[in-house]
Structure formats: C-alpha cells, structure tokens
Amino acid sequence: MFTRHIGIDLGTVNVLVHERGRGIVLREPSIVAISVNDNRIIAVGDEAREMLGRTPDTIEVARPLRDGVIADYVVTEAMLRYFITKVCGRMSFFKPEVMISVPVGVTSVESRAVRDAAEQAGAKEAYLIPEPMAAALGAGLPVGTPTGNMLLNMGGGTSESAVISVNGIVVANSVRVGGNRIDEAIMAYVKRKYNLVIGDRTAELIKIEIGSAIKPDRAEDERHMDVRGRDQVTGLPKTIEMRTSEVAEAIGEPVQAIVGVTRGVLERTPPELVSDIIDRGVVMTGGSAQLRDLDLLLTEEIGVPFYVAEDPMACVALGAGRALENYALIRRTLPALEF
C-alpha cells in the first residue's frame, strides 16, 4: 500500500513521469551537462537545456539516449536517479515500482540496459513496455477488446506504428526518424539555401512556429519568421526570413519516411483488423504528432482518417503508469521484454 507506482516515458528528447494518483508530475528534457575535467554531472533536464550550445570547452551538454535507446549507460543512470529522486523525494523509505517505455524491436541487451539503469537509479522493481502499447493505453484506446486499434507514435528519435488488439501488438514497425531528424533537415536546408548556420534550438523553434507537413495553398496561409544565425561565407551574424512552404519542402524526406512506416504496417495487418481501422481511424501520439497538418497529409497519403490524441506528448507516460496498475493483466502480452 505504501509502494509508489511510477510510469516513465524515457524519450530521446524528453522524459515524462506519471505517478499513480497524481498524474504527470515531471516533464523535462533528457539532457545532461557534464564537467569534462572530472566527469561530474553539473545539471540535468531544464537546467541543462538552457546550456545547450552555450557552454565553454570544459562543459559538455549531451543527450544520453539516441533513437530511443541508451547510448551512455552511466549518464542515463544518473539522469534517471535525478528524476526519480525529484519525484519521490530524497528521504523516501519505500522504493518505487517503475514501468519504463522502450521502442518496439529493441534487443535484449538494450532492454536489459534500461532495466538495470532504473534499478541502479533506485527502483524497487523495473518493468518494460513497448512504446506503442503504452501510448495506446495513455490515449484511452480500448486495447483489451478484439478490435483493431492502430497507433502512430512519433517521438524525438523514432516513429513507431502498431496495430493492437486484445492487449497485444499484432503488427508493428519503427523507423529511426522523429523530431530530431526533422530539426536536422531544417538545419541542412537553411545551410544549403541561405549559407546560414543555425543551431538545434533555432531549428526546433522554426518547426514549432511556422512548420507544416503540407505547403499552404494560399499566400495568406503562409507564416513568416525571422531566423538568425552565422553566415557560412563571412562568419558574421545574419538574419533571413523563412516561410512555411520552405519548411514543408525542407522536411519532406523525414515526413515521407513516417508515411512509409505507417503504410508498411497496414500492408501486413490482417483484413479483419484493417476494416476496424478504416472505421476507427489512426491515433497519433508523441511530440512530433503536433507538427501542423501532418494528420491531413497522412490521411491523404494512406486513405484512412488520422487524428491527434489529447495531450499527445503525455500519452506514453500516462500509459506506462496505467500498465503498471494493471500489470497482471498485460504481463502475458509482453514476453519479449521478460527475463
């Protein structure tokens, strides 16, 4: 009765934590600032994000997760410990039970690394759940029924599409394309077209402010934004104006990769479930689901209605928390993640 149940969305870009009875209690970037001289962690989360691209050589600001899996085990463990302590308190006598989301198709080694990191960070028990299953639970889909529920979860490092029925994943596929790849595409486009070098944060701001998956039909629908960076030729500061149609052109390739992974899952889905999906549509979750007009593009390309879940960023963390509360029910559907 005293055990705290925590669901963690361990994302490439953001970490979200859900606690039973309290809802989403933490939402911070998965970024860590490290002192190069003594390997000491200086800042984690929001504080580390403020340092991104603004530090001297003695401080390295890094993301310990890449494409949804651990790239730096020691730093990930320290980051998890920080977040768990922040939620549970430093003097907690009862270690929490933790459910952590992992991408579909992770290897047993990658799964073990996540689980071990959570236990070393202070979890009493650490369980794993595939991100599409967690996202479906968080979005409120009736995953326990024998009907086809299709979901497209788009995070910072990966985009995963899955069809879920009777508490299990029937068909799933993922592509290592997400918000980060979209940001990189914007940076490359600006560099190629305007000889302007911009940073990650500027590219992300462009995506949020004026980004769209579809070029606007009318001139009045165009959004404009002043973009500041360093001129590649002169090395001096320079400001340009970007339009929505340019961003849509820049991100065309990663967006088509997301369309491709969704189409591939539908092609392998049993016909009975496909008929359910045509009626019910496809739910979009994850931070990248908020890209303007992406649902319209997918509906047009795939021929099935797509719609964005309520609070798409929180769906995986919410679902991880709900899965932990009903672990006995869904445990049999997660054989690949058991040891």
Protein backbone atom coordinates (compact mmCIF):
# COMPACT_ATOMS: atom_id res chain seq x y z
CA MET A 1 0.00 0.00 0.00
CA PHE A 2 2.99 2.30 0.57
CA THR A 3 4.69 1.48 -2.73
CA ARG A 4 4.65 4.30 -5.26
CA HIS A 5 3.87 3.39 -8.86
CA ILE A 6 5.73 5.44 -11.46
CA GLY A 7 5.46 5.31 -15.25
CA ILE A 8 8.38 6.80 -17.19
CA ASP A 9 8.49 7.82 -20.84
CA LEU A 10 12.25 7.62 -21.35
CA GLY A 11 12.43 9.58 -24.58
CA THR A 12 15.32 10.72 -26.74
CA VAL A 13 14.30 14.36 -26.31
CA ASN A 14 12.07 14.48 -23.21
CA VAL A 15 11.46 12.43 -20.07
CA LEU A 16 7.91 12.41 -18.68
CA VAL A 17 6.97 10.81 -15.36
CA HIS A 18 3.49 9.73 -14.27
CA GLU A 19 2.71 8.83 -10.67
CA ARG A 20 -0.40 6.94 -9.57
CA GLY A 21 -2.91 9.32 -8.04
CA ARG A 22 -1.03 12.45 -9.13
CA GLY A 23 -0.91 12.28 -12.94
CA ILE A 24 2.04 13.73 -14.89
CA VAL A 25 4.43 15.02 -12.22
CA LEU A 26 7.55 15.74 -14.30
CA ARG A 27 8.21 16.84 -17.88
CA GLU A 28 11.84 17.72 -18.61
CA PRO A 29 14.35 17.38 -21.47
CA SER A 30 16.57 14.27 -21.42
CA ILE A 31 19.72 16.37 -21.46
CA VAL A 32 22.70 16.25 -19.09
CA ALA A 33 25.54 18.76 -18.62
CA ILE A 34 28.85 17.13 -17.65
CA SER A 35 32.13 18.65 -16.47
CA VAL A 36 34.82 17.38 -18.88
CA ASN A 37 37.64 17.66 -16.32
CA ASP A 38 36.23 15.36 -13.62
CA ASN A 39 33.20 13.70 -15.36
CA ARG A 40 30.89 15.26 -12.77
CA ILE A 41 27.25 15.92 -13.68
CA ILE A 42 26.54 19.64 -13.34
CA ALA A 43 22.93 19.90 -14.48
CA VAL A 44 20.05 17.72 -15.67
CA GLY A 45 16.81 18.46 -17.53
CA ASP A 46 15.59 22.05 -17.91
CA GLU A 47 18.75 23.49 -16.36
CA ALA A 48 20.98 21.53 -18.79
CA ARG A 49 18.81 22.53 -21.77
CA GLU A 50 19.50 26.20 -21.05
CA MET A 51 23.22 25.44 -21.53
CA LEU A 52 22.76 23.72 -24.91
CA GLY A 53 25.06 25.34 -27.48
CA ARG A 54 26.22 27.96 -24.96
CA THR A 55 28.97 26.23 -22.95
CA PRO A 56 32.78 26.50 -22.79
CA ASP A 57 35.03 23.56 -23.70
CA THR A 58 35.11 22.42 -20.05
CA ILE A 59 31.37 21.55 -20.08
CA GLU A 60 29.75 19.02 -22.41
CA VAL A 61 25.98 19.05 -22.85
CA ALA A 62 24.77 15.67 -24.16
CA ARG A 63 21.70 13.51 -24.71
CA PRO A 64 22.43 10.08 -23.15
CA LEU A 65 19.69 8.44 -25.26
CA ARG A 66 19.84 8.03 -29.01
CA ASP A 67 16.97 6.72 -31.17
CA GLY A 68 15.07 5.80 -28.01
CA VAL A 69 17.78 3.53 -26.54
CA ILE A 70 20.65 4.11 -24.13
CA ALA A 71 23.80 5.48 -25.76
CA ASP A 72 25.59 6.31 -22.48
CA TYR A 73 24.67 3.93 -19.65
CA VAL A 74 26.37 5.78 -16.76
CA VAL A 75 24.87 9.16 -17.65
CA THR A 76 21.40 7.64 -18.23
CA GLU A 77 21.52 6.01 -14.80
CA ALA A 78 22.48 9.32 -13.18
CA MET A 79 19.70 11.12 -15.07
CA LEU A 80 17.11 8.53 -14.01
CA ARG A 81 18.26 8.78 -10.40
CA TYR A 82 17.84 12.55 -10.54
CA PHE A 83 14.30 12.32 -11.93
CA ILE A 84 13.18 9.52 -9.57
CA THR A 85 14.58 11.43 -6.58
CA LYS A 86 12.87 14.62 -7.77
CA VAL A 87 9.50 12.83 -7.89
CA CYS A 88 9.80 10.63 -4.77
CA GLY A 89 11.98 12.83 -2.56
CA ARG A 90 15.49 12.24 -1.29
CA MET A 91 14.43 10.63 2.01
CA SER A 92 11.93 8.12 0.62
CA PHE A 93 11.86 4.88 2.68
CA PHE A 94 9.90 2.92 0.09
CA LYS A 95 11.48 2.38 -3.32
CA PRO A 96 9.04 2.90 -6.21
CA GLU A 97 7.91 0.32 -8.73
CA VAL A 98 8.71 1.68 -12.18
CA MET A 99 7.34 0.95 -15.66
CA ILE A 100 9.55 2.30 -18.45
CA SER A 101 8.69 2.55 -22.14
CA VAL A 102 11.10 1.19 -24.74
CA PRO A 103 10.88 1.34 -28.56
CA VAL A 104 9.42 -1.57 -30.48
CA GLY A 105 12.05 -4.05 -31.65
CA VAL A 106 14.73 -3.27 -29.05
CA THR A 107 17.29 -6.02 -28.49
CA SER A 108 17.50 -7.96 -25.24
CA VAL A 109 20.79 -6.17 -24.47
CA GLU A 110 19.15 -2.75 -24.89
CA SER A 111 16.18 -3.84 -22.75
CA ARG A 112 18.50 -5.14 -20.03
CA ALA A 113 20.41 -1.83 -20.05
CA VAL A 114 17.22 0.18 -19.47
CA ARG A 115 16.04 -2.13 -16.73
CA ASP A 116 19.40 -2.22 -14.95
CA ALA A 117 19.73 1.56 -15.15
CA ALA A 118 16.32 2.01 -13.50
CA GLU A 119 17.11 -0.45 -10.71
CA GLN A 120 20.51 1.15 -10.08
CA ALA A 121 18.79 4.54 -10.01
CA GLY A 122 16.60 3.48 -7.08
CA ALA A 123 13.65 1.48 -8.42
CA LYS A 124 12.39 -1.46 -6.33
CA GLU A 125 11.20 -3.24 -9.48
CA ALA A 126 11.58 -2.09 -13.09
CA TYR A 127 9.27 -3.34 -15.84
CA LEU A 128 9.37 -2.54 -19.55
CA ILE A 129 6.56 -1.86 -22.00
CA PRO A 130 6.72 -1.19 -25.77
CA GLU A 131 6.04 2.48 -26.52
CA PRO A 132 3.09 1.87 -28.89
CA MET A 133 1.29 -0.20 -26.23
CA ALA A 134 1.91 2.47 -23.59
CA ALA A 135 0.80 5.22 -25.98
CA ALA A 136 -2.41 3.33 -26.82
CA LEU A 137 -3.23 2.91 -23.12
CA GLY A 138 -2.46 6.58 -22.48
CA ALA A 139 -4.64 7.69 -25.41
CA GLY A 140 -7.56 5.71 -23.96
CA LEU A 141 -7.89 3.19 -26.80
CA PRO A 142 -9.87 0.01 -25.99
CA VAL A 143 -6.79 -2.22 -26.36
CA GLY A 144 -8.35 -5.07 -24.34
CA THR A 145 -11.09 -5.69 -26.91
CA PRO A 146 -10.75 -7.89 -30.04
CA THR A 147 -10.91 -4.87 -32.36
CA GLY A 148 -8.16 -3.25 -34.41
CA ASN A 149 -6.61 -0.18 -32.79
CA MET A 150 -3.91 1.48 -34.86
CA LEU A 151 -1.49 3.99 -33.46
CA LEU A 152 1.38 6.11 -34.78
CA ASN A 153 3.75 7.24 -32.03
CA MET A 154 6.27 9.88 -33.11
CA GLY A 155 8.97 10.88 -30.64
CA GLY A 156 12.28 12.67 -30.92
CA GLY A 157 14.33 9.68 -32.09
CA THR A 158 11.88 7.12 -33.52
CA SER A 159 8.46 6.87 -35.13
CA GLU A 160 6.55 3.65 -34.45
CA SER A 161 3.34 2.37 -35.94
CA ALA A 162 1.44 -0.55 -34.45
CA VAL A 163 -1.88 -2.36 -34.59
CA ILE A 164 -3.07 -3.52 -31.16
CA SER A 165 -5.81 -5.99 -30.25
CA VAL A 166 -6.63 -7.99 -27.08
CA ASN A 167 -3.84 -6.31 -25.04
CA GLY A 168 -1.17 -7.29 -27.55
CA ILE A 169 0.69 -5.87 -30.55
CA VAL A 170 -0.41 -7.67 -33.72
CA VAL A 171 1.82 -5.85 -36.21
CA ALA A 172 4.41 -3.15 -35.54
CA ASN A 173 7.27 -1.41 -37.25
CA SER A 174 9.52 1.53 -36.47
CA VAL A 175 11.83 3.90 -38.27
CA ARG A 176 14.59 5.91 -36.63
CA VAL A 177 13.09 9.19 -37.80
CA GLY A 178 11.45 11.66 -35.44
CA GLY A 179 11.60 15.23 -34.22
CA ASN A 180 15.42 15.28 -34.20
CA ARG A 181 15.65 14.21 -37.84
CA ILE A 182 13.10 16.87 -38.80
CA ASP A 183 15.19 19.52 -36.99
CA GLU A 184 18.33 18.30 -38.79
CA ALA A 185 16.53 18.54 -42.14
CA ILE A 186 15.60 22.18 -41.40
CA MET A 187 19.21 22.98 -40.42
CA ALA A 188 20.56 21.39 -43.61
CA TYR A 189 18.01 23.24 -45.79
CA VAL A 190 18.84 26.64 -44.26
CA LYS A 191 22.56 25.96 -44.68
CA ARG A 192 22.15 24.82 -48.29
CA LYS A 193 19.79 27.58 -49.44
CA TYR A 194 20.93 30.58 -47.41
CA ASN A 195 24.51 29.67 -46.37
CA LEU A 196 23.28 30.22 -42.80
CA VAL A 197 24.40 28.03 -39.90
CA ILE A 198 21.77 27.63 -37.17
CA GLY A 199 21.63 25.52 -34.01
CA ASP A 200 19.30 22.74 -32.82
CA ARG A 201 17.16 25.07 -30.71
CA THR A 202 16.61 27.52 -33.60
CA ALA A 203 15.63 24.65 -35.93
CA GLU A 204 13.16 23.35 -33.33
CA LEU A 205 11.68 26.84 -32.93
CA ILE A 206 11.23 27.12 -36.72
CA LYS A 207 9.42 23.75 -36.71
CA ILE A 208 7.11 24.79 -33.88
CA GLU A 209 6.39 28.36 -35.04
CA ILE A 210 5.96 28.01 -38.82
CA GLY A 211 6.45 24.29 -39.58
CA SER A 212 3.90 22.33 -41.61
CA ALA A 213 3.82 18.96 -43.36
CA ILE A 214 1.92 20.46 -46.32
CA LYS A 215 2.73 23.56 -48.36
CA PRO A 216 -0.06 26.18 -47.93
CA ASP A 217 -2.36 26.55 -50.95
CA ARG A 218 -2.96 30.26 -50.39
CA ALA A 219 -0.44 33.04 -49.81
CA GLU A 220 -2.40 34.32 -46.79
CA ASP A 221 -1.89 30.96 -45.04
CA GLU A 222 1.89 31.38 -45.17
CA ARG A 223 3.58 32.04 -41.83
CA HIS A 224 6.81 34.02 -41.70
CA MET A 225 9.67 34.02 -39.20
CA ASP A 226 12.98 35.86 -38.85
CA VAL A 227 15.82 33.36 -38.46
CA ARG A 228 19.17 34.44 -37.01
CA GLY A 229 22.42 32.55 -37.40
CA ARG A 230 26.01 32.75 -38.65
CA ASP A 231 26.76 33.39 -42.31
CA GLN A 232 28.83 30.46 -43.59
CA VAL A 233 30.77 32.67 -46.02
CA THR A 234 31.56 35.78 -43.97
CA GLY A 235 31.34 34.22 -40.50
CA LEU A 236 29.24 37.19 -39.34
CA PRO A 237 25.72 37.25 -37.84
CA LYS A 238 22.93 37.27 -40.42
CA THR A 239 19.11 37.33 -40.38
CA ILE A 240 16.86 35.80 -43.02
CA GLU A 241 13.10 35.37 -43.35
CA MET A 242 11.66 31.86 -43.71
CA ARG A 243 8.18 30.83 -44.86
CA THR A 244 6.00 27.82 -44.09
CA SER A 245 6.29 26.48 -47.65
CA GLU A 246 10.09 26.38 -47.28
CA VAL A 247 9.85 24.38 -44.05
CA ALA A 248 7.43 21.93 -45.70
CA GLU A 249 9.94 21.47 -48.53
CA ALA A 250 12.83 21.03 -46.07
CA ILE A 251 11.16 18.28 -44.03
CA GLY A 252 9.67 16.36 -46.95
CA GLU A 253 12.09 13.41 -46.70
CA PRO A 254 11.67 12.57 -42.97
CA VAL A 255 7.89 13.05 -43.25
CA GLN A 256 7.76 10.56 -46.15
CA ALA A 257 9.73 8.05 -44.03
CA ILE A 258 6.96 8.30 -41.38
CA VAL A 259 4.32 7.80 -44.09
CA GLY A 260 6.26 4.74 -45.31
CA VAL A 261 6.43 3.01 -41.93
CA THR A 262 2.67 3.53 -41.43
CA ARG A 263 1.85 2.16 -44.88
CA GLY A 264 4.11 -0.85 -44.25
CA VAL A 265 2.25 -1.78 -41.05
CA LEU A 266 -1.15 -1.53 -42.76
CA GLU A 267 0.03 -3.78 -45.59
CA ARG A 268 0.85 -6.54 -43.05
CA THR A 269 -2.32 -6.14 -40.96
CA PRO A 270 -4.97 -8.94 -41.08
CA PRO A 271 -8.02 -7.92 -43.19
CA GLU A 272 -10.49 -8.12 -40.27
CA LEU A 273 -8.45 -5.60 -38.31
CA VAL A 274 -7.99 -3.35 -41.35
CA SER A 275 -11.77 -2.96 -41.60
CA ASP A 276 -11.83 -1.82 -37.94
CA ILE A 277 -9.05 0.69 -38.61
CA ILE A 278 -10.93 2.16 -41.61
CA ASP A 279 -13.91 2.77 -39.29
CA ARG A 280 -11.97 3.97 -36.24
CA GLY A 281 -9.02 5.76 -37.83
CA VAL A 282 -5.43 6.02 -36.58
CA VAL A 283 -4.44 7.84 -33.40
CA MET A 284 -1.27 9.96 -33.46
CA THR A 285 0.76 10.40 -30.27
CA GLY A 286 4.18 11.79 -29.32
CA GLY A 287 5.62 15.29 -29.56
CA SER A 288 6.11 15.17 -33.35
CA ALA A 289 2.38 14.44 -33.82
CA GLN A 290 1.85 18.14 -33.16
CA LEU A 291 3.51 19.11 -36.46
CA ARG A 292 0.96 21.24 -38.28
CA ASP A 293 -1.14 19.46 -40.95
CA LEU A 294 0.68 16.13 -40.53
CA ASP A 295 -2.66 14.42 -39.82
CA LEU A 296 -4.06 15.82 -43.09
CA LEU A 297 -1.04 14.63 -45.09
CA LEU A 298 -1.23 11.11 -43.61
CA THR A 299 -5.00 10.91 -44.22
CA GLU A 300 -4.45 11.90 -47.85
CA GLU A 301 -1.48 9.53 -48.42
CA ILE A 302 -2.81 6.46 -46.57
CA GLY A 303 -6.55 6.81 -47.20
CA VAL A 304 -7.50 6.25 -43.54
CA PRO A 305 -8.51 9.06 -41.13
CA PHE A 306 -5.72 10.19 -38.76
CA TYR A 307 -6.29 12.30 -35.67
CA VAL A 308 -4.07 13.63 -32.88
CA ALA A 309 -4.65 12.35 -29.35
CA GLU A 310 -5.39 14.73 -26.49
CA ASP A 311 -2.03 15.84 -24.99
CA PRO A 312 -0.04 13.59 -27.38
CA MET A 313 3.27 14.14 -25.56
CA ALA A 314 1.92 12.72 -22.29
CA CYS A 315 0.31 9.56 -23.74
CA VAL A 316 3.30 7.21 -23.30
CA ALA A 317 3.95 8.24 -19.67
CA LEU A 318 0.23 8.01 -18.84
CA GLY A 319 0.03 4.58 -20.47
CA ALA A 320 3.15 3.33 -18.65
CA GLY A 321 1.53 4.33 -15.35
CA ARG A 322 -1.76 2.61 -16.24
CA ALA A 323 0.09 -0.51 -17.41
CA LEU A 324 1.83 -0.76 -14.03
CA GLU A 325 -1.53 -0.58 -12.25
CA ASN A 326 -2.84 -3.44 -14.44
CA TYR A 327 0.44 -5.31 -14.85
CA ALA A 328 -1.04 -8.73 -14.05
CA LEU A 329 -3.46 -8.31 -16.97
CA ILE A 330 -0.99 -7.23 -19.64
CA ARG A 331 2.06 -9.19 -18.44
CA ARG A 332 1.35 -12.17 -20.69
CA THR A 333 1.41 -9.92 -23.77
CA LEU A 334 4.99 -8.72 -23.13
CA PRO A 335 7.04 -11.95 -23.46
CA ALA A 336 9.86 -10.33 -25.43
CA LEU A 337 10.66 -7.98 -22.57
CA GLU A 338 10.73 -10.56 -19.79
CA PHE A 339 13.94 -12.03 -18.46
